[in-house]
C-alpha atoms as a PDB file:
ATOM      1  CA  UNK A   1      84.331 -87.324 -79.194  1.00  0.00           C
ATOM      2  CA  UNK A   2      81.263 -87.238 -76.976  1.00  0.00           C
ATOM      3  CA  UNK A   3      78.440 -89.711 -77.412  1.00  0.00           C
ATOM      4  CA  UNK A   4      74.965 -90.067 -75.992  1.00  0.00           C
ATOM      5  CA  UNK A   5      74.397 -92.873 -73.527  1.00  0.00           C
ATOM      6  CA  UNK A   6      71.136 -94.803 -73.431  1.00  0.00           C
ATOM      7  CA  UNK A   7      70.761 -97.085 -70.400  1.00  0.00           C
ATOM      8  CA  UNK A   8      67.681 -99.269 -70.533  1.00  0.00           C
ATOM      9  CA  UNK A   9      66.127-101.987 -68.435  1.00  0.00           C
ATOM     10  CA  UNK A  10      65.605-105.344 -70.170  1.00  0.00           C
ATOM     11  CA  UNK A  11      63.726-108.454 -69.056  1.00  0.00           C
ATOM     12  CA  UNK A  12      66.259-110.929 -70.432  1.00  0.00           C
ATOM     13  CA  UNK A  13      69.876-109.898 -70.989  1.00  0.00           C
ATOM     14  CA  UNK A  14      70.728-112.687 -73.448  1.00  0.00           C
ATOM     15  CA  UNK A  15      67.733-111.901 -75.672  1.00  0.00           C
ATOM     16  CA  UNK A  16      68.470-108.172 -75.518  1.00  0.00           C
ATOM     17  CA  UNK A  17      72.145-108.684 -76.412  1.00  0.00           C
ATOM     18  CA  UNK A  18      71.143-110.794 -79.404  1.00  0.00           C
ATOM     19  CA  UNK A  19      68.739-108.085 -80.570  1.00  0.00           C
ATOM     20  CA  UNK A  20      71.054-105.097 -80.058  1.00  0.00           C
ATOM     21  CA  UNK A  21      74.072-106.935 -81.476  1.00  0.00           C
ATOM     22  CA  UNK A  22      72.012-107.583 -84.604  1.00  0.00           C
ATOM     23  CA  UNK A  23      70.637-104.102 -85.143  1.00  0.00           C
ATOM     24  CA  UNK A  24      73.933-102.320 -84.407  1.00  0.00           C
ATOM     25  CA  UNK A  25      76.120-105.025 -86.021  1.00  0.00           C
ATOM     26  CA  UNK A  26      78.492-105.206 -83.044  1.00  0.00           C
ATOM     27  CA  UNK A  27      79.065-107.176 -79.865  1.00  0.00           C
ATOM     28  CA  UNK A  28      79.044-105.826 -76.313  1.00  0.00           C
ATOM     29  CA  UNK A  29      82.290-104.356 -75.016  1.00  0.00           C
ATOM     30  CA  UNK A  30      81.570-105.522 -71.484  1.00  0.00           C
ATOM     31  CA  UNK A  31      79.317-108.294 -70.154  1.00  0.00           C
ATOM     32  CA  UNK A  32      78.797-108.964 -66.447  1.00  0.00           C
ATOM     33  CA  UNK A  33      75.958-110.672 -64.550  1.00  0.00           C
ATOM     34  CA  UNK A  34      72.804-108.667 -65.306  1.00  0.00           C
ATOM     35  CA  UNK A  35      74.741-106.026 -67.238  1.00  0.00           C
ATOM     36  CA  UNK A  36      76.136-105.357 -70.714  1.00  0.00           C
ATOM     37  CA  UNK A  37      77.398-102.281 -72.507  1.00  0.00           C
ATOM     38  CA  UNK A  38      78.219-101.390 -76.072  1.00  0.00           C
ATOM     39  CA  UNK A  39      80.439 -98.596 -77.418  1.00  0.00           C
ATOM     40  CA  UNK A  40      78.778 -98.203 -80.807  1.00  0.00           C
ATOM     41  CA  UNK A  41      80.623 -96.165 -83.395  1.00  0.00           C
ATOM     42  CA  UNK A  42      77.871 -95.685 -85.969  1.00  0.00           C
ATOM     43  CA  UNK A  43      75.733 -94.044 -84.765  1.00  0.00           C
ATOM     44  CA  UNK A  44      77.907 -92.809 -81.876  1.00  0.00           C
ATOM     45  CA  UNK A  45      76.112 -94.335 -78.885  1.00  0.00           C
ATOM     46  CA  UNK A  46      76.958 -95.855 -75.528  1.00  0.00           C
ATOM     47  CA  UNK A  47      74.232 -98.480 -75.012  1.00  0.00           C
ATOM     48  CA  UNK A  48      73.932 -99.975 -71.528  1.00  0.00           C
ATOM     49  CA  UNK A  49      71.599-102.856 -70.668  1.00  0.00           C
ATOM     50  CA  UNK A  50      70.440-103.570 -67.108  1.00  0.00           C
ATOM     51  CA  UNK A  51      68.654-106.893 -66.625  1.00  0.00           C
ATOM     52  CA  UNK A  52      65.479-106.243 -64.592  1.00  0.00           C
ATOM     53  CA  UNK A  53      63.166-109.253 -65.063  1.00  0.00           C
ATOM     54  CA  UNK A  54      59.550-108.116 -65.193  1.00  0.00           C
ATOM     55  CA  UNK A  55      60.567-104.436 -65.439  1.00  0.00           C
ATOM     56  CA  UNK A  56      62.086-104.357 -68.917  1.00  0.00           C
ATOM     57  CA  UNK A  57      61.363-101.824 -71.587  1.00  0.00           C
ATOM     58  CA  UNK A  58      61.943 -98.665 -69.600  1.00  0.00           C
ATOM     59  CA  UNK A  59      64.716 -96.124 -69.553  1.00  0.00           C
ATOM     60  CA  UNK A  60      67.100 -96.612 -66.650  1.00  0.00           C
ATOM     61  CA  UNK A  61      68.876 -93.318 -67.365  1.00  0.00           C
ATOM     62  CA  UNK A  62      70.357 -91.240 -70.167  1.00  0.00           C
ATOM     63  CA  UNK A  63      73.814 -89.785 -70.295  1.00  0.00           C
ATOM     64  CA  UNK A  64      76.660 -88.236 -72.198  1.00  0.00           C
ATOM     65  CA  UNK A  65      80.071 -89.894 -72.198  1.00  0.00           C
ATOM     66  CA  UNK A  66      82.872 -87.353 -72.627  1.00  0.00           C
ATOM     67  CA  UNK A  67      86.642 -87.681 -72.923  1.00  0.00           C
ATOM     68  CA  UNK A  68      87.950 -85.576 -70.008  1.00  0.00           C
ATOM     69  CA  UNK A  69      87.158 -84.564 -66.438  1.00  0.00           C
ATOM     70  CA  UNK A  70      87.374 -80.949 -67.622  1.00  0.00           C
ATOM     71  CA  UNK A  71      84.378 -81.566 -69.894  1.00  0.00           C
ATOM     72  CA  UNK A  72      82.409 -82.885 -66.912  1.00  0.00           C
ATOM     73  CA  UNK A  73      83.374 -79.744 -64.953  1.00  0.00           C
ATOM     74  CA  UNK A  74      82.342 -77.503 -67.876  1.00  0.00           C
ATOM     75  CA  UNK A  75      78.878 -79.085 -67.954  1.00  0.00           C
ATOM     76  CA  UNK A  76      78.482 -78.727 -64.205  1.00  0.00           C
ATOM     77  CA  UNK A  77      79.579 -75.063 -64.371  1.00  0.00           C
ATOM     78  CA  UNK A  78      77.194 -74.389 -67.263  1.00  0.00           C
ATOM     79  CA  UNK A  79      74.268 -76.032 -65.473  1.00  0.00           C
ATOM     80  CA  UNK A  80      75.056 -74.274 -62.174  1.00  0.00           C
ATOM     81  CA  UNK A  81      74.468 -70.957 -63.974  1.00  0.00           C
ATOM     82  CA  UNK A  82      70.931 -72.107 -64.781  1.00  0.00           C
ATOM     83  CA  UNK A  83      68.149 -73.503 -62.631  1.00  0.00           C
ATOM     84  CA  UNK A  84      69.235 -77.086 -63.296  1.00  0.00           C
ATOM     85  CA  UNK A  85      70.490 -78.730 -60.121  1.00  0.00           C
ATOM     86  CA  UNK A  86      73.273 -81.302 -60.354  1.00  0.00           C
ATOM     87  CA  UNK A  87      75.112 -83.528 -57.965  1.00  0.00           C
ATOM     88  CA  UNK A  88      78.637 -82.539 -57.095  1.00  0.00           C
ATOM     89  CA  UNK A  89      81.419 -83.909 -59.260  1.00  0.00           C
ATOM     90  CA  UNK A  90      82.265 -87.332 -57.886  1.00  0.00           C
ATOM     91  CA  UNK A  91      84.703 -90.050 -58.753  1.00  0.00           C
ATOM     92  CA  UNK A  92      82.810 -93.303 -58.344  1.00  0.00           C
ATOM     93  CA  UNK A  93      82.907 -96.994 -59.040  1.00  0.00           C
ATOM     94  CA  UNK A  94      79.649 -98.059 -60.605  1.00  0.00           C
ATOM     95  CA  UNK A  95      78.468-100.277 -63.446  1.00  0.00           C
ATOM     96  CA  UNK A  96      81.846-102.033 -63.577  1.00  0.00           C
ATOM     97  CA  UNK A  97      83.762 -98.778 -64.210  1.00  0.00           C
ATOM     98  CA  UNK A  98      85.621 -96.088 -62.322  1.00  0.00           C
ATOM     99  CA  UNK A  99      84.423 -92.725 -63.570  1.00  0.00           C
ATOM    100  CA  UNK A 100      84.068 -89.059 -62.768  1.00  0.00           C
ATOM    101  CA  UNK A 101      80.452 -87.939 -63.083  1.00  0.00           C
ATOM    102  CA  UNK A 102      77.638 -85.555 -62.319  1.00  0.00           C
ATOM    103  CA  UNK A 103      73.897 -86.222 -62.401  1.00  0.00           C
ATOM    104  CA  UNK A 104      70.851 -84.068 -63.142  1.00  0.00           C
ATOM    105  CA  UNK A 105      67.171 -85.021 -63.115  1.00  0.00           C
ATOM    106  CA  UNK A 106      64.659 -83.729 -65.672  1.00  0.00           C
ATOM    107  CA  UNK A 107      61.307 -82.273 -64.584  1.00  0.00           C
ATOM    108  CA  UNK A 108      59.752 -85.625 -65.566  1.00  0.00           C
ATOM    109  CA  UNK A 109      62.193 -87.594 -63.417  1.00  0.00           C
ATOM    110  CA  UNK A 110      64.565 -88.854 -66.131  1.00  0.00           C
ATOM    111  CA  UNK A 111      68.074 -89.077 -64.750  1.00  0.00           C
ATOM    112  CA  UNK A 112      70.950 -87.739 -66.895  1.00  0.00           C
ATOM    113  CA  UNK A 113      74.616 -88.528 -66.270  1.00  0.00           C
ATOM    114  CA  UNK A 114      77.680 -86.750 -67.681  1.00  0.00           C
ATOM    115  CA  UNK A 115      80.809 -88.804 -67.158  1.00  0.00           C
ATOM    116  CA  UNK A 116      84.295 -89.784 -68.213  1.00  0.00           C
ATOM    117  CA  UNK A 117      85.344 -93.404 -67.739  1.00  0.00           C
ATOM    118  CA  UNK A 118      88.801 -94.008 -66.249  1.00  0.00           C
ATOM    119  CA  UNK A 119      89.089 -97.785 -65.757  1.00  0.00           C
ATOM    120  CA  UNK A 120      87.145-101.023 -65.722  1.00  0.00           C
ATOM    121  CA  UNK A 121      86.331-102.462 -62.284  1.00  0.00           C
ATOM    122  CA  UNK A 122      84.371-105.376 -60.864  1.00  0.00           C
ATOM    123  CA  UNK A 123      82.103-103.068 -58.808  1.00  0.00           C
ATOM    124  CA  UNK A 124      78.461-102.850 -59.932  1.00  0.00           C
ATOM    125  CA  UNK A 125      76.779-100.886 -57.130  1.00  0.00           C
ATOM    126  CA  UNK A 126      77.686 -97.223 -56.772  1.00  0.00           C
ATOM    127  CA  UNK A 127      80.584 -96.396 -54.417  1.00  0.00           C
ATOM    128  CA  UNK A 128      81.778 -92.780 -54.135  1.00  0.00           C
ATOM    129  CA  UNK A 129      85.588 -92.661 -54.162  1.00  0.00           C
ATOM    130  CA  UNK A 130      85.954 -88.876 -53.860  1.00  0.00           C
ATOM    131  CA  UNK A 131      84.026 -85.646 -54.299  1.00  0.00           C
END
């Protein structure tokens, strides 16, 4: 199952978690300093919160979480046949997860990520493991 990812900036993580836990009737799957994420089943959504005091309310990025690396490759191959530029497929540690991902940027500057998560980590900032 694929699901859309919505990553947003929030002013106060605790307040945002209270709000999103209430409206989606679930608790975060992962909480770290300045970061929380939810794997919501209904509706299928990966919700990621980035605490950015004074800069809340905006989209950090959008994405699609898939189940396999092959699905990430299929998206990159499909987009490479169009005029949409993507990053190369990379295995990274970012946002407390090891994942294989590609990125594309919309004409309006919205970043989109397609990824498959492999493991949890304690790494927040992006580190490329392999390309």
